[in-house]
Amino acid sequence: MDALTHFDKNGNAIMVDVTEKPETSRKAIASGIIRVSDEVYNAITDGTAPKGDVLATARIAGIMAAKKTSEIIPLCHPLPITKCSVDFVMMPEDLAIQAIAMLKVTGRTGVEMEALHAVTVALLTIYDMCKAIDKTMRIEDVHLCYKEGGKSGIFRNE
């Protein structure tokens, strides 16, 4: 078994040294779902949520979260993100909204955590903006869908 990279020989948590790794183009896509009530779904689609434009606010929150990932997740490297998008798929038959984050970077380490953080914060923002309508919303299935770049190459989460 390979040694754990986030611990030194004494078991202390450390940031992985990526100094010698080559810079490569990297990309990650993450996704998650929030399940809502009829009332919340309609408020979002009709633009009548009391706190304003839910999806526009959630998009900005997700992008901001991606940029701040290294400040929130211990031992994550700060990355010079070159592209970040947060998009939503409305799922009326399921009373759900899917958030999808796509990030790109040219760097020495991957951008998966940033994509996952963006999706999670976007979904939490939807919850926050709609909790006055209904607090039973459920955030589900946050996961990495795809990554490319670096030594491990392409990963697809089927």
N, C-alpha and C. Protein backbone atom coordinates (compact mmCIF):
# COMPACT_ATOMS: atom_id res chain seq x y z
N MET A 1 0.84 -1.18 0.00
CA MET A 1 0.00 0.00 0.00
C MET A 1 0.89 1.24 0.00
N ASP A 2 0.53 2.20 -0.85
CA ASP A 2 1.29 3.45 -0.91
C ASP A 2 1.10 4.24 0.38
N ALA A 3 2.12 5.02 0.73
CA ALA A 3 2.04 5.88 1.92
C ALA A 3 0.99 6.96 1.68
N LEU A 4 0.33 7.35 2.75
CA LEU A 4 -0.63 8.45 2.66
C LEU A 4 0.13 9.74 2.42
N THR A 5 -0.32 10.53 1.49
CA THR A 5 0.43 11.72 1.09
C THR A 5 0.14 12.95 1.94
N HIS A 6 -0.90 12.93 2.73
CA HIS A 6 -1.25 14.10 3.53
C HIS A 6 -0.74 14.01 4.97
N PHE A 7 0.18 13.07 5.22
CA PHE A 7 0.75 12.91 6.56
C PHE A 7 2.26 12.74 6.44
N ASP A 8 2.99 13.34 7.39
CA ASP A 8 4.44 13.15 7.40
C ASP A 8 4.77 11.86 8.13
N LYS A 9 6.07 11.56 8.29
CA LYS A 9 6.49 10.30 8.91
C LYS A 9 6.07 10.17 10.36
N ASN A 10 5.72 11.31 11.00
CA ASN A 10 5.26 11.29 12.39
C ASN A 10 3.73 11.30 12.52
N GLY A 11 3.05 11.25 11.40
CA GLY A 11 1.58 11.24 11.42
C GLY A 11 0.95 12.62 11.46
N ASN A 12 1.73 13.67 11.27
CA ASN A 12 1.19 15.03 11.26
C ASN A 12 0.60 15.35 9.89
N ALA A 13 -0.54 16.02 9.89
CA ALA A 13 -1.16 16.42 8.63
C ALA A 13 -0.29 17.47 7.95
N ILE A 14 -0.08 17.29 6.64
CA ILE A 14 0.72 18.24 5.86
C ILE A 14 0.05 18.50 4.52
N MET A 15 0.41 19.62 3.90
CA MET A 15 -0.01 19.87 2.53
C MET A 15 0.97 19.14 1.62
N VAL A 16 0.45 18.43 0.64
CA VAL A 16 1.29 17.68 -0.29
C VAL A 16 2.19 18.64 -1.05
N ASP A 17 3.45 18.29 -1.19
CA ASP A 17 4.40 19.10 -1.95
C ASP A 17 4.25 18.78 -3.43
N VAL A 18 3.75 19.75 -4.20
CA VAL A 18 3.56 19.54 -5.64
C VAL A 18 4.59 20.32 -6.46
N THR A 19 5.63 20.80 -5.80
CA THR A 19 6.63 21.64 -6.45
C THR A 19 7.19 21.02 -7.72
N GLU A 20 7.51 19.74 -7.68
CA GLU A 20 8.16 19.08 -8.80
C GLU A 20 7.19 18.55 -9.86
N LYS A 21 5.89 18.61 -9.58
CA LYS A 21 4.92 18.12 -10.58
C LYS A 21 4.83 19.10 -11.74
N PRO A 22 4.67 18.61 -12.95
CA PRO A 22 4.54 19.52 -14.10
C PRO A 22 3.15 20.17 -14.10
N GLU A 23 3.09 21.40 -14.61
CA GLU A 23 1.80 22.04 -14.79
C GLU A 23 1.14 21.43 -16.02
N THR A 24 -0.12 21.04 -15.85
CA THR A 24 -0.89 20.50 -16.96
C THR A 24 -2.27 21.13 -16.95
N SER A 25 -2.93 21.04 -18.07
CA SER A 25 -4.31 21.50 -18.17
C SER A 25 -5.20 20.47 -17.48
N ARG A 26 -6.07 20.95 -16.61
CA ARG A 26 -6.93 20.05 -15.83
C ARG A 26 -8.37 20.55 -15.88
N LYS A 27 -9.29 19.62 -15.75
CA LYS A 27 -10.71 19.95 -15.79
C LYS A 27 -11.46 19.02 -14.84
N ALA A 28 -12.48 19.52 -14.20
CA ALA A 28 -13.33 18.69 -13.35
C ALA A 28 -14.78 19.13 -13.48
N ILE A 29 -15.67 18.16 -13.44
CA ILE A 29 -17.11 18.42 -13.46
C ILE A 29 -17.72 17.68 -12.28
N ALA A 30 -18.54 18.40 -11.51
CA ALA A 30 -19.25 17.80 -10.37
C ALA A 30 -20.73 18.12 -10.50
N SER A 31 -21.52 17.33 -9.82
CA SER A 31 -22.97 17.48 -9.91
C SER A 31 -23.61 17.15 -8.57
N GLY A 32 -24.80 17.68 -8.37
CA GLY A 32 -25.60 17.37 -7.18
C GLY A 32 -27.03 17.79 -7.43
N ILE A 33 -27.92 17.33 -6.57
CA ILE A 33 -29.36 17.58 -6.75
C ILE A 33 -29.95 18.09 -5.44
N ILE A 34 -30.91 19.00 -5.58
CA ILE A 34 -31.73 19.38 -4.43
C ILE A 34 -33.18 19.04 -4.78
N ARG A 35 -33.81 18.29 -3.90
CA ARG A 35 -35.22 17.93 -4.07
C ARG A 35 -36.06 18.92 -3.27
N VAL A 36 -37.10 19.42 -3.91
CA VAL A 36 -37.90 20.50 -3.32
C VAL A 36 -39.39 20.16 -3.41
N SER A 37 -40.20 20.97 -2.76
CA SER A 37 -41.65 20.81 -2.84
C SER A 37 -42.19 21.51 -4.09
N ASP A 38 -43.44 21.24 -4.42
CA ASP A 38 -44.11 21.95 -5.53
C ASP A 38 -44.01 23.46 -5.34
N GLU A 39 -44.26 23.89 -4.13
CA GLU A 39 -44.28 25.33 -3.85
C GLU A 39 -42.90 25.97 -4.10
N VAL A 40 -41.86 25.31 -3.64
CA VAL A 40 -40.50 25.83 -3.85
C VAL A 40 -40.15 25.79 -5.33
N TYR A 41 -40.43 24.68 -6.00
CA TYR A 41 -40.12 24.57 -7.43
C TYR A 41 -40.80 25.69 -8.21
N ASN A 42 -42.07 25.91 -7.92
CA ASN A 42 -42.81 26.96 -8.63
C ASN A 42 -42.27 28.34 -8.31
N ALA A 43 -41.90 28.59 -7.07
CA ALA A 43 -41.34 29.90 -6.70
C ALA A 43 -40.04 30.16 -7.45
N ILE A 44 -39.23 29.11 -7.62
CA ILE A 44 -37.98 29.27 -8.36
C ILE A 44 -38.25 29.50 -9.84
N THR A 45 -39.09 28.67 -10.44
CA THR A 45 -39.33 28.79 -11.88
C THR A 45 -40.14 30.03 -12.23
N ASP A 46 -41.02 30.47 -11.34
CA ASP A 46 -41.83 31.66 -11.60
C ASP A 46 -41.12 32.96 -11.20
N GLY A 47 -40.00 32.83 -10.50
CA GLY A 47 -39.28 34.01 -10.05
C GLY A 47 -39.96 34.75 -8.92
N THR A 48 -40.68 34.01 -8.07
CA THR A 48 -41.43 34.65 -6.98
C THR A 48 -40.88 34.33 -5.59
N ALA A 49 -39.71 33.76 -5.51
CA ALA A 49 -39.11 33.47 -4.20
C ALA A 49 -38.88 34.79 -3.47
N PRO A 50 -39.19 34.84 -2.18
CA PRO A 50 -39.10 36.10 -1.43
C PRO A 50 -37.71 36.74 -1.42
N LYS A 51 -36.66 35.92 -1.52
CA LYS A 51 -35.30 36.47 -1.45
C LYS A 51 -34.74 36.86 -2.81
N GLY A 52 -35.51 36.69 -3.89
CA GLY A 52 -35.05 37.11 -5.20
C GLY A 52 -34.75 35.96 -6.14
N ASP A 53 -33.90 36.23 -7.12
CA ASP A 53 -33.57 35.26 -8.17
C ASP A 53 -32.69 34.16 -7.60
N VAL A 54 -33.30 33.03 -7.30
CA VAL A 54 -32.63 31.94 -6.60
C VAL A 54 -31.46 31.38 -7.41
N LEU A 55 -31.67 31.05 -8.65
CA LEU A 55 -30.62 30.39 -9.42
C LEU A 55 -29.48 31.34 -9.77
N ALA A 56 -29.78 32.59 -10.03
CA ALA A 56 -28.70 33.55 -10.29
C ALA A 56 -27.82 33.71 -9.06
N THR A 57 -28.45 33.78 -7.90
CA THR A 57 -27.69 33.92 -6.65
C THR A 57 -26.89 32.65 -6.36
N ALA A 58 -27.51 31.49 -6.59
CA ALA A 58 -26.82 30.21 -6.37
C ALA A 58 -25.63 30.05 -7.31
N ARG A 59 -25.77 30.52 -8.54
CA ARG A 59 -24.66 30.44 -9.51
C ARG A 59 -23.47 31.26 -9.00
N ILE A 60 -23.73 32.50 -8.60
CA ILE A 60 -22.65 33.36 -8.09
C ILE A 60 -22.03 32.75 -6.84
N ALA A 61 -22.86 32.21 -5.94
CA ALA A 61 -22.35 31.59 -4.71
C ALA A 61 -21.44 30.40 -5.05
N GLY A 62 -21.83 29.59 -6.02
CA GLY A 62 -21.02 28.45 -6.41
C GLY A 62 -19.68 28.87 -6.99
N ILE A 63 -19.68 29.89 -7.82
CA ILE A 63 -18.43 30.38 -8.40
C ILE A 63 -17.53 30.95 -7.31
N MET A 64 -18.12 31.73 -6.40
CA MET A 64 -17.33 32.27 -5.30
C MET A 64 -16.75 31.15 -4.43
N ALA A 65 -17.55 30.11 -4.19
CA ALA A 65 -17.08 28.98 -3.38
C ALA A 65 -15.89 28.29 -4.03
N ALA A 66 -15.97 28.10 -5.34
CA ALA A 66 -14.85 27.45 -6.05
C ALA A 66 -13.56 28.23 -5.82
N LYS A 67 -13.65 29.54 -5.90
CA LYS A 67 -12.46 30.39 -5.75
C LYS A 67 -11.92 30.39 -4.33
N LYS A 68 -12.74 30.02 -3.35
CA LYS A 68 -12.33 30.05 -1.94
C LYS A 68 -12.09 28.66 -1.35
N THR A 69 -12.07 27.63 -2.17
CA THR A 69 -11.97 26.26 -1.67
C THR A 69 -10.76 26.04 -0.76
N SER A 70 -9.62 26.56 -1.14
CA SER A 70 -8.41 26.33 -0.33
C SER A 70 -8.49 27.03 1.02
N GLU A 71 -9.39 27.98 1.18
CA GLU A 71 -9.57 28.64 2.48
C GLU A 71 -10.51 27.85 3.40
N ILE A 72 -11.27 26.93 2.82
CA ILE A 72 -12.28 26.18 3.58
C ILE A 72 -11.87 24.74 3.83
N ILE A 73 -11.31 24.09 2.83
CA ILE A 73 -10.93 22.67 2.93
C ILE A 73 -9.46 22.60 3.33
N PRO A 74 -9.16 22.04 4.50
CA PRO A 74 -7.77 21.98 4.94
C PRO A 74 -6.88 21.25 3.94
N LEU A 75 -5.70 21.76 3.75
CA LEU A 75 -4.64 21.17 2.95
C LEU A 75 -4.86 21.25 1.44
N CYS A 76 -5.94 21.90 0.99
CA CYS A 76 -6.12 22.12 -0.44
C CYS A 76 -5.18 23.23 -0.89
N HIS A 77 -4.62 23.06 -2.07
CA HIS A 77 -3.75 24.08 -2.64
C HIS A 77 -4.59 25.19 -3.26
N PRO A 78 -4.19 26.45 -3.11
CA PRO A 78 -4.88 27.51 -3.85
C PRO A 78 -4.56 27.36 -5.34
N LEU A 79 -5.58 27.50 -6.17
CA LEU A 79 -5.39 27.27 -7.61
C LEU A 79 -5.77 28.50 -8.42
N PRO A 80 -5.05 28.75 -9.50
CA PRO A 80 -5.40 29.85 -10.41
C PRO A 80 -6.47 29.38 -11.40
N ILE A 81 -7.71 29.38 -10.97
CA ILE A 81 -8.82 28.88 -11.79
C ILE A 81 -8.93 29.73 -13.05
N THR A 82 -9.01 29.04 -14.19
CA THR A 82 -9.11 29.75 -15.46
C THR A 82 -10.52 29.73 -16.03
N LYS A 83 -11.37 28.82 -15.54
CA LYS A 83 -12.76 28.74 -15.99
C LYS A 83 -13.59 28.12 -14.89
N CYS A 84 -14.75 28.72 -14.64
CA CYS A 84 -15.69 28.14 -13.67
C CYS A 84 -17.10 28.46 -14.13
N SER A 85 -17.89 27.44 -14.31
CA SER A 85 -19.30 27.64 -14.61
C SER A 85 -20.13 26.81 -13.65
N VAL A 86 -21.27 27.35 -13.29
CA VAL A 86 -22.26 26.63 -12.47
C VAL A 86 -23.58 26.76 -13.22
N ASP A 87 -24.13 25.63 -13.60
CA ASP A 87 -25.38 25.62 -14.35
C ASP A 87 -26.40 24.73 -13.65
N PHE A 88 -27.66 24.92 -14.04
CA PHE A 88 -28.75 24.21 -13.39
C PHE A 88 -29.62 23.52 -14.43
N VAL A 89 -30.08 22.33 -14.08
CA VAL A 89 -31.04 21.59 -14.89
C VAL A 89 -32.30 21.44 -14.06
N MET A 90 -33.38 21.99 -14.58
CA MET A 90 -34.66 21.87 -13.89
C MET A 90 -35.25 20.50 -14.19
N MET A 91 -35.72 19.83 -13.14
CA MET A 91 -36.24 18.47 -13.27
C MET A 91 -37.67 18.44 -12.73
N PRO A 92 -38.64 18.95 -13.51
CA PRO A 92 -40.01 19.09 -13.00
C PRO A 92 -40.66 17.78 -12.60
N GLU A 93 -40.36 16.71 -13.33
CA GLU A 93 -40.99 15.42 -13.00
C GLU A 93 -40.52 14.87 -11.66
N ASP A 94 -39.34 15.30 -11.21
CA ASP A 94 -38.78 14.86 -9.94
C ASP A 94 -38.86 15.92 -8.86
N LEU A 95 -39.39 17.11 -9.19
CA LEU A 95 -39.36 18.26 -8.28
C LEU A 95 -37.95 18.43 -7.72
N ALA A 96 -37.01 18.57 -8.65
CA ALA A 96 -35.60 18.66 -8.27
C ALA A 96 -34.88 19.63 -9.20
N ILE A 97 -33.74 20.08 -8.72
CA ILE A 97 -32.86 20.93 -9.50
C ILE A 97 -31.47 20.34 -9.40
N GLN A 98 -30.85 20.11 -10.54
CA GLN A 98 -29.49 19.59 -10.57
C GLN A 98 -28.55 20.77 -10.79
N ALA A 99 -27.50 20.83 -9.97
CA ALA A 99 -26.43 21.81 -10.16
C ALA A 99 -25.23 21.09 -10.75
N ILE A 100 -24.62 21.73 -11.74
CA ILE A 100 -23.44 21.16 -12.40
C ILE A 100 -22.36 22.23 -12.43
N ALA A 101 -21.20 21.91 -11.89
CA ALA A 101 -20.07 22.84 -11.91
C ALA A 101 -18.97 22.27 -12.78
N MET A 102 -18.39 23.14 -13.61
CA MET A 102 -17.27 22.75 -14.46
C MET A 102 -16.15 23.75 -14.22
N LEU A 103 -14.98 23.23 -13.90
CA LEU A 103 -13.82 24.09 -13.65
C LEU A 103 -12.64 23.64 -14.46
N LYS A 104 -11.81 24.63 -14.82
CA LYS A 104 -10.56 24.37 -15.52
C LYS A 104 -9.44 25.12 -14.81
N VAL A 105 -8.26 24.54 -14.91
CA VAL A 105 -7.07 25.17 -14.34
C VAL A 105 -5.86 24.63 -15.09
N THR A 106 -4.82 25.41 -15.15
CA THR A 106 -3.52 24.90 -15.56
C THR A 106 -2.67 24.94 -14.30
N GLY A 107 -2.32 23.77 -13.80
CA GLY A 107 -1.61 23.73 -12.53
C GLY A 107 -1.00 22.39 -12.25
N ARG A 108 -0.53 22.25 -11.01
CA ARG A 108 0.17 21.05 -10.58
C ARG A 108 -0.72 20.08 -9.80
N THR A 109 -1.95 20.48 -9.58
CA THR A 109 -2.88 19.62 -8.84
C THR A 109 -4.27 19.82 -9.41
N GLY A 110 -5.13 18.85 -9.18
CA GLY A 110 -6.45 18.85 -9.78
C GLY A 110 -7.42 19.86 -9.19
N VAL A 111 -8.54 20.00 -9.86
CA VAL A 111 -9.54 21.01 -9.51
C VAL A 111 -10.86 20.35 -9.07
N GLU A 112 -10.78 19.06 -8.66
CA GLU A 112 -11.98 18.33 -8.25
C GLU A 112 -12.64 18.93 -7.01
N MET A 113 -11.85 19.26 -6.02
CA MET A 113 -12.44 19.80 -4.78
C MET A 113 -13.16 21.12 -5.04
N GLU A 114 -12.63 21.92 -5.94
CA GLU A 114 -13.27 23.18 -6.28
C GLU A 114 -14.62 22.95 -6.95
N ALA A 115 -14.69 21.95 -7.83
CA ALA A 115 -15.96 21.63 -8.50
C ALA A 115 -16.99 21.12 -7.50
N LEU A 116 -16.56 20.23 -6.61
CA LEU A 116 -17.46 19.71 -5.59
C LEU A 116 -17.93 20.80 -4.63
N HIS A 117 -17.02 21.68 -4.26
CA HIS A 117 -17.35 22.80 -3.36
C HIS A 117 -18.35 23.74 -4.04
N ALA A 118 -18.13 24.03 -5.32
CA ALA A 118 -19.04 24.91 -6.06
C ALA A 118 -20.45 24.35 -6.08
N VAL A 119 -20.60 23.06 -6.40
CA VAL A 119 -21.92 22.43 -6.45
C VAL A 119 -22.59 22.46 -5.08
N THR A 120 -21.84 22.10 -4.06
CA THR A 120 -22.42 22.03 -2.72
C THR A 120 -22.91 23.39 -2.25
N VAL A 121 -22.11 24.43 -2.45
CA VAL A 121 -22.51 25.77 -2.02
C VAL A 121 -23.67 26.30 -2.86
N ALA A 122 -23.68 26.00 -4.15
CA ALA A 122 -24.82 26.41 -4.98
C ALA A 122 -26.12 25.78 -4.46
N LEU A 123 -26.07 24.50 -4.13
CA LEU A 123 -27.27 23.82 -3.60
C LEU A 123 -27.65 24.35 -2.22
N LEU A 124 -26.67 24.61 -1.38
CA LEU A 124 -26.95 25.20 -0.07
C LEU A 124 -27.58 26.58 -0.21
N THR A 125 -27.18 27.32 -1.21
CA THR A 125 -27.75 28.65 -1.44
C THR A 125 -29.20 28.55 -1.86
N ILE A 126 -29.52 27.57 -2.70
CA ILE A 126 -30.92 27.34 -3.05
C ILE A 126 -31.72 27.05 -1.78
N TYR A 127 -31.18 26.18 -0.95
CA TYR A 127 -31.86 25.86 0.32
C TYR A 127 -32.07 27.13 1.14
N ASP A 128 -31.01 27.90 1.31
CA ASP A 128 -31.10 29.11 2.13
C ASP A 128 -32.15 30.08 1.60
N MET A 129 -32.19 30.25 0.30
CA MET A 129 -33.11 31.23 -0.29
C MET A 129 -34.56 30.76 -0.27
N CYS A 130 -34.78 29.47 -0.08
CA CYS A 130 -36.15 28.93 -0.14
C CYS A 130 -36.63 28.32 1.18
N LYS A 131 -35.79 28.35 2.21
CA LYS A 131 -36.17 27.69 3.47
C LYS A 131 -37.39 28.34 4.13
N ALA A 132 -37.67 29.60 3.84
CA ALA A 132 -38.86 30.24 4.40
C ALA A 132 -40.13 29.64 3.80
N ILE A 133 -40.01 29.07 2.61
CA ILE A 133 -41.16 28.43 1.96
C ILE A 133 -41.33 27.00 2.47
N ASP A 134 -40.22 26.27 2.57
CA ASP A 134 -40.28 24.86 2.96
C ASP A 134 -38.90 24.40 3.40
N LYS A 135 -38.82 23.86 4.60
CA LYS A 135 -37.53 23.42 5.13
C LYS A 135 -37.24 21.93 4.88
N THR A 136 -38.10 21.24 4.15
CA THR A 136 -37.91 19.80 3.94
C THR A 136 -37.08 19.48 2.70
N MET A 137 -36.48 20.47 2.06
CA MET A 137 -35.64 20.22 0.89
C MET A 137 -34.50 19.27 1.26
N ARG A 138 -34.06 18.46 0.28
CA ARG A 138 -32.98 17.51 0.51
C ARG A 138 -31.91 17.67 -0.55
N ILE A 139 -30.69 17.82 -0.11
CA ILE A 139 -29.54 17.85 -1.01
C ILE A 139 -29.01 16.43 -1.11
N GLU A 140 -28.84 15.96 -2.35
CA GLU A 140 -28.48 14.56 -2.58
C GLU A 140 -27.44 14.42 -3.69
N ASP A 141 -26.75 13.31 -3.67
CA ASP A 141 -25.97 12.82 -4.80
C ASP A 141 -24.91 13.81 -5.29
N VAL A 142 -24.25 14.51 -4.37
CA VAL A 142 -23.14 15.37 -4.77
C VAL A 142 -21.96 14.45 -5.08
N HIS A 143 -21.43 14.58 -6.30
CA HIS A 143 -20.35 13.67 -6.70
C HIS A 143 -19.53 14.26 -7.84
N LEU A 144 -18.32 13.75 -7.98
CA LEU A 144 -17.46 14.07 -9.09
C LEU A 144 -17.92 13.26 -10.29
N CYS A 145 -18.21 13.93 -11.39
CA CYS A 145 -18.66 13.26 -12.61
C CYS A 145 -17.51 12.94 -13.55
N TYR A 146 -16.54 13.85 -13.60
CA TYR A 146 -15.49 13.74 -14.62
C TYR A 146 -14.28 14.53 -14.18
N LYS A 147 -13.11 14.03 -14.52
CA LYS A 147 -11.88 14.82 -14.35
C LYS A 147 -10.91 14.41 -15.43
N GLU A 148 -10.08 15.37 -15.80
CA GLU A 148 -9.01 15.07 -16.76
C GLU A 148 -7.79 15.88 -16.40
N GLY A 149 -6.64 15.37 -16.84
CA GLY A 149 -5.37 16.05 -16.61
C GLY A 149 -4.59 15.40 -15.49
N GLY A 150 -3.31 15.71 -15.45
CA GLY A 150 -2.46 15.15 -14.43
C GLY A 150 -2.06 13.72 -14.74
N LYS A 151 -1.38 13.11 -13.79
CA LYS A 151 -0.83 11.77 -13.97
C LYS A 151 -1.92 10.71 -14.14
N SER A 152 -3.05 10.88 -13.46
CA SER A 152 -4.07 9.85 -13.51
C SER A 152 -4.96 9.94 -14.76
N GLY A 153 -4.81 10.97 -15.56
CA GLY A 153 -5.53 11.06 -16.82
C GLY A 153 -7.01 11.32 -16.67
N ILE A 154 -7.81 10.63 -17.46
CA ILE A 154 -9.26 10.86 -17.47
C ILE A 154 -9.97 9.90 -16.52
N PHE A 155 -10.92 10.46 -15.77
CA PHE A 155 -11.79 9.68 -14.87
C PHE A 155 -13.23 10.03 -15.21
N ARG A 156 -14.05 9.01 -15.42
CA ARG A 156 -15.48 9.20 -15.62
C ARG A 156 -16.22 8.42 -14.54
N ASN A 157 -17.10 9.08 -13.86
CA ASN A 157 -17.90 8.42 -12.82
C ASN A 157 -19.22 8.02 -13.45
N GLU A 158 -19.30 6.78 -13.87
CA GLU A 158 -20.52 6.29 -14.53
C GLU A 158 -21.56 6.04 -13.46
